[in-house]
Amino acid sequence: MKKFTDKTFRIKTSCGIEQYNKLKTNKTFTGRLRFYWFNFFAIIRDLNK
């Protein structure tokens, strides 16, 4: 189920990777805004893991 291939990215949890893949497919303006918002907080949250 993991389509995540960027090895330099900092999202490490399986649920975070699934949400990343789901949000990446939404190409609308609000979808992209939510995608970047998610990335920002997911990276901060997963720094300790």
N, C-alpha and C. Protein backbone atom coordinates (compact mmCIF):
# COMPACT_ATOMS: atom_id res chain seq x y z
N MET A 1 0.82 -1.19 0.00
CA MET A 1 0.00 0.00 0.00
C MET A 1 0.86 1.25 0.00
N LYS A 2 2.12 1.13 0.31
CA LYS A 2 2.99 2.31 0.35
C LYS A 2 3.43 2.69 -1.06
N LYS A 3 2.96 3.84 -1.54
CA LYS A 3 3.41 4.37 -2.82
C LYS A 3 4.46 5.45 -2.60
N PHE A 4 4.78 5.71 -1.39
CA PHE A 4 5.68 6.78 -1.00
C PHE A 4 7.10 6.39 -1.36
N THR A 5 7.75 7.13 -2.24
CA THR A 5 9.08 6.74 -2.69
C THR A 5 10.16 7.75 -2.35
N ASP A 6 9.82 8.92 -1.88
CA ASP A 6 10.82 9.93 -1.58
C ASP A 6 11.54 9.57 -0.29
N LYS A 7 12.78 9.17 -0.38
CA LYS A 7 13.52 8.70 0.78
C LYS A 7 14.01 9.83 1.67
N THR A 8 14.05 11.06 1.17
CA THR A 8 14.53 12.17 1.97
C THR A 8 13.42 12.83 2.76
N PHE A 9 12.20 12.40 2.55
CA PHE A 9 11.06 13.00 3.23
C PHE A 9 11.01 12.54 4.68
N ARG A 10 10.39 13.29 5.55
CA ARG A 10 10.46 13.01 6.98
C ARG A 10 9.19 12.42 7.58
N ILE A 11 8.18 12.12 6.79
CA ILE A 11 6.99 11.47 7.34
C ILE A 11 7.31 10.00 7.50
N LYS A 12 7.18 9.48 8.72
CA LYS A 12 7.64 8.12 9.00
C LYS A 12 6.54 7.15 9.38
N THR A 13 5.39 7.64 9.82
CA THR A 13 4.34 6.73 10.26
C THR A 13 3.55 6.23 9.06
N SER A 14 3.01 5.02 9.18
CA SER A 14 2.27 4.44 8.06
C SER A 14 0.98 5.21 7.78
N CYS A 15 0.32 5.69 8.84
CA CYS A 15 -0.91 6.45 8.62
C CYS A 15 -0.59 7.80 7.98
N GLY A 16 0.55 8.38 8.32
CA GLY A 16 0.97 9.63 7.71
C GLY A 16 1.28 9.47 6.23
N ILE A 17 1.91 8.36 5.88
CA ILE A 17 2.23 8.09 4.48
C ILE A 17 0.96 7.86 3.68
N GLU A 18 -0.01 7.15 4.26
CA GLU A 18 -1.28 6.93 3.58
C GLU A 18 -2.02 8.25 3.34
N GLN A 19 -2.04 9.11 4.35
CA GLN A 19 -2.70 10.41 4.21
C GLN A 19 -1.98 11.27 3.19
N TYR A 20 -0.66 11.22 3.16
CA TYR A 20 0.14 11.95 2.18
C TYR A 20 -0.26 11.54 0.76
N ASN A 21 -0.33 10.24 0.51
CA ASN A 21 -0.69 9.75 -0.82
C ASN A 21 -2.11 10.16 -1.20
N LYS A 22 -3.01 10.16 -0.24
CA LYS A 22 -4.40 10.54 -0.50
C LYS A 22 -4.50 12.03 -0.84
N LEU A 23 -3.82 12.86 -0.08
CA LEU A 23 -3.90 14.30 -0.30
C LEU A 23 -3.16 14.74 -1.56
N LYS A 24 -2.15 14.00 -1.96
CA LYS A 24 -1.36 14.36 -3.14
C LYS A 24 -2.17 14.25 -4.42
N THR A 25 -3.20 13.41 -4.44
CA THR A 25 -3.99 13.24 -5.66
C THR A 25 -5.00 14.36 -5.88
N ASN A 26 -5.31 15.15 -4.86
CA ASN A 26 -6.27 16.23 -4.98
C ASN A 26 -5.58 17.45 -5.58
N LYS A 27 -5.96 17.86 -6.79
CA LYS A 27 -5.28 18.93 -7.52
C LYS A 27 -6.00 20.27 -7.46
N THR A 28 -7.05 20.39 -6.68
CA THR A 28 -7.74 21.67 -6.56
C THR A 28 -6.92 22.61 -5.68
N PHE A 29 -7.29 23.89 -5.66
CA PHE A 29 -6.56 24.86 -4.84
C PHE A 29 -6.65 24.51 -3.37
N THR A 30 -7.85 24.20 -2.90
CA THR A 30 -8.00 23.85 -1.48
C THR A 30 -7.31 22.52 -1.16
N GLY A 31 -7.30 21.61 -2.13
CA GLY A 31 -6.62 20.34 -1.93
C GLY A 31 -5.12 20.52 -1.78
N ARG A 32 -4.56 21.37 -2.60
CA ARG A 32 -3.12 21.65 -2.50
C ARG A 32 -2.79 22.38 -1.21
N LEU A 33 -3.65 23.30 -0.82
CA LEU A 33 -3.44 24.03 0.43
C LEU A 33 -3.45 23.07 1.61
N ARG A 34 -4.41 22.15 1.62
CA ARG A 34 -4.49 21.16 2.69
C ARG A 34 -3.29 20.22 2.67
N PHE A 35 -2.82 19.88 1.46
CA PHE A 35 -1.65 19.02 1.31
C PHE A 35 -0.42 19.68 1.93
N TYR A 36 -0.16 20.93 1.65
CA TYR A 36 1.00 21.62 2.22
C TYR A 36 0.85 21.82 3.72
N TRP A 37 -0.36 22.09 4.16
CA TRP A 37 -0.63 22.24 5.59
C TRP A 37 -0.33 20.92 6.31
N PHE A 38 -0.77 19.82 5.75
CA PHE A 38 -0.52 18.50 6.32
C PHE A 38 0.98 18.21 6.36
N ASN A 39 1.68 18.49 5.27
CA ASN A 39 3.12 18.23 5.23
C ASN A 39 3.86 18.99 6.32
N PHE A 40 3.52 20.23 6.49
CA PHE A 40 4.18 21.06 7.48
C PHE A 40 4.06 20.45 8.87
N PHE A 41 2.85 20.11 9.27
CA PHE A 41 2.64 19.59 10.62
C PHE A 41 3.07 18.13 10.76
N ALA A 42 2.97 17.34 9.70
CA ALA A 42 3.39 15.95 9.78
C ALA A 42 4.90 15.86 9.95
N ILE A 43 5.63 16.70 9.27
CA ILE A 43 7.09 16.69 9.40
C ILE A 43 7.49 17.10 10.82
N ILE A 44 6.85 18.14 11.35
CA ILE A 44 7.17 18.57 12.70
C ILE A 44 6.84 17.48 13.71
N ARG A 45 5.71 16.83 13.54
CA ARG A 45 5.28 15.81 14.49
C ARG A 45 6.18 14.57 14.44
N ASP A 46 6.65 14.20 13.26
CA ASP A 46 7.43 12.98 13.10
C ASP A 46 8.93 13.18 13.27
N LEU A 47 9.38 14.35 13.63
CA LEU A 47 10.82 14.57 13.82
C LEU A 47 11.39 13.71 14.93
N ASN A 48 10.62 13.45 15.96
CA ASN A 48 11.11 12.67 17.10
C ASN A 48 11.04 11.17 16.88
N LYS A 49 10.42 10.71 15.82
CA LYS A 49 10.23 9.27 15.61
C LYS A 49 11.34 8.67 14.80
